[in-house]
Amino acid sequence: MSNPIAVAVSTAYERQFKKLKTDQLKQDARQCRRDIYECLTLQRDSGDQERIKEIIRDRRLKPIQRFRKKVPKRWEATFAPDGRIVWSYDGQTFALIYIGNHSVLDKD
């Protein structure tokens, strides 16, 4: 079995997570983080392709076009109708960058 993927959390992410208005939103965001991590692990280990597709579809995982030239790519995931997580993955570290409504996709 491969080494686990490292997780890095920005201070901006931590601050914004605390500002989520309800416990349900916080719970949904935590589940979204787990789903992204599972997807990355499965992709790295050539795991269950159907589960990978399911997570990508359900969480609407996609690169953020505004940052297409940044390395590593910045991605978005949806955890609520107007709840987004901005994250990146460089092959070793899953970095949580921002969380909040759709406007977080515009932050540098």
Protein backbone atom coordinates (compact mmCIF):
# COMPACT_ATOMS: atom_id res chain seq x y z
CA MET A 1 0.00 0.00 0.00
CA SER A 2 1.23 3.50 -0.84
CA ASN A 3 1.93 6.21 1.65
CA PRO A 4 -1.08 8.32 2.60
CA ILE A 5 -1.54 11.62 0.80
CA ALA A 6 -0.47 14.58 2.95
CA VAL A 7 -3.14 17.17 3.73
CA ALA A 8 -2.33 20.88 4.08
CA VAL A 9 -4.91 23.39 5.26
CA SER A 10 -4.45 27.13 4.69
CA THR A 11 -5.27 29.56 7.48
CA ALA A 12 -7.77 31.24 5.13
CA TYR A 13 -9.56 27.90 4.75
CA GLU A 14 -9.67 27.40 8.51
CA ARG A 15 -11.05 30.92 9.09
CA GLN A 16 -13.69 30.58 6.39
CA PHE A 17 -14.71 27.10 7.57
CA LYS A 18 -15.45 28.49 11.04
CA LYS A 19 -17.69 31.12 9.42
CA LEU A 20 -19.98 28.57 7.77
CA LYS A 21 -23.43 29.39 9.11
CA THR A 22 -24.79 25.99 10.09
CA ASP A 23 -23.53 22.73 11.49
CA GLN A 24 -25.06 21.01 8.47
CA LEU A 25 -22.90 23.07 6.08
CA LYS A 26 -19.82 22.19 8.14
CA GLN A 27 -20.75 18.51 8.05
CA ASP A 28 -21.32 18.67 4.27
CA ALA A 29 -17.94 20.40 3.78
CA ARG A 30 -16.18 17.72 5.86
CA GLN A 31 -17.81 14.99 3.77
CA CYS A 32 -16.74 16.77 0.59
CA ARG A 33 -13.13 16.85 1.85
CA ARG A 34 -13.29 13.11 2.55
CA ASP A 35 -14.71 12.47 -0.92
CA ILE A 36 -11.95 14.48 -2.64
CA TYR A 37 -9.30 12.66 -0.59
CA GLU A 38 -10.85 9.29 -1.48
CA CYS A 39 -10.91 10.23 -5.17
CA LEU A 40 -7.25 11.29 -5.13
CA THR A 41 -6.25 8.09 -3.33
CA LEU A 42 -8.19 5.91 -5.75
CA GLN A 43 -6.69 7.71 -8.76
CA ARG A 44 -3.16 7.35 -7.39
CA ASP A 45 -3.62 3.67 -6.58
CA SER A 46 -5.53 2.85 -9.81
CA GLY A 47 -8.59 2.04 -7.75
CA ASP A 48 -12.30 1.70 -8.46
CA GLN A 49 -12.91 3.76 -11.63
CA GLU A 50 -16.68 3.78 -11.12
CA ARG A 51 -16.28 5.29 -7.65
CA ILE A 52 -13.88 7.92 -9.03
CA LYS A 53 -16.43 8.90 -11.70
CA GLU A 54 -19.19 9.02 -9.09
CA ILE A 55 -17.21 11.40 -6.85
CA ILE A 56 -16.22 13.62 -9.78
CA ARG A 57 -19.85 13.84 -10.88
CA ASP A 58 -21.43 14.27 -7.44
CA ARG A 59 -18.89 16.85 -6.20
CA ARG A 60 -18.53 18.50 -9.61
CA LEU A 61 -14.74 18.37 -9.41
CA LYS A 62 -13.16 20.53 -12.07
CA PRO A 63 -10.17 22.82 -12.59
CA ILE A 64 -10.80 26.53 -12.11
CA GLN A 65 -10.29 28.10 -15.53
CA ARG A 66 -9.13 31.43 -14.17
CA PHE A 67 -6.08 29.69 -12.68
CA ARG A 68 -5.34 27.33 -15.58
CA LYS A 69 -1.70 28.47 -15.74
CA LYS A 70 -1.02 27.98 -12.01
CA VAL A 71 0.96 24.93 -10.97
CA PRO A 72 -0.32 22.84 -9.30
CA LYS A 73 -3.78 23.37 -10.77
CA ARG A 74 -6.46 24.82 -8.54
CA TRP A 75 -9.64 22.81 -8.47
CA GLU A 76 -13.14 23.38 -7.17
CA ALA A 77 -15.55 21.01 -5.50
CA THR A 78 -19.17 21.62 -4.57
CA PHE A 79 -20.53 20.75 -1.13
CA ALA A 80 -23.76 22.82 -1.15
CA PRO A 81 -25.77 24.76 -3.75
CA ASP A 82 -23.55 27.81 -3.13
CA GLY A 83 -20.72 26.09 -1.26
CA ARG A 84 -17.33 25.57 -2.87
CA ILE A 85 -13.97 24.25 -1.77
CA VAL A 86 -10.89 25.44 -3.67
CA TRP A 87 -8.03 22.94 -3.50
CA SER A 88 -4.93 21.70 -5.27
CA TYR A 89 -2.97 18.47 -5.53
CA ASP A 90 0.67 18.20 -6.58
CA GLY A 91 0.93 14.43 -6.52
CA GLN A 92 1.89 14.31 -2.84
CA THR A 93 -0.08 16.98 -0.96
CA PHE A 94 -3.81 17.68 -1.03
CA ALA A 95 -4.00 21.40 -0.16
CA LEU A 96 -7.24 23.00 1.01
CA ILE A 97 -7.03 26.65 -0.02
CA TYR A 98 -10.44 28.36 0.38
CA ILE A 99 -14.00 27.48 1.29
CA GLY A 100 -17.19 29.48 0.96
CA ASN A 101 -19.69 30.62 -1.63
CA HIS A 102 -19.08 30.84 -5.37
CA SER A 103 -17.01 34.04 -4.99
CA VAL A 104 -14.10 32.04 -3.48
CA LEU A 105 -13.31 30.91 -7.02
CA ASP A 106 -12.10 34.45 -7.77
CA LYS A 107 -9.54 34.70 -4.97
CA ASP A 108 -5.84 34.62 -5.78
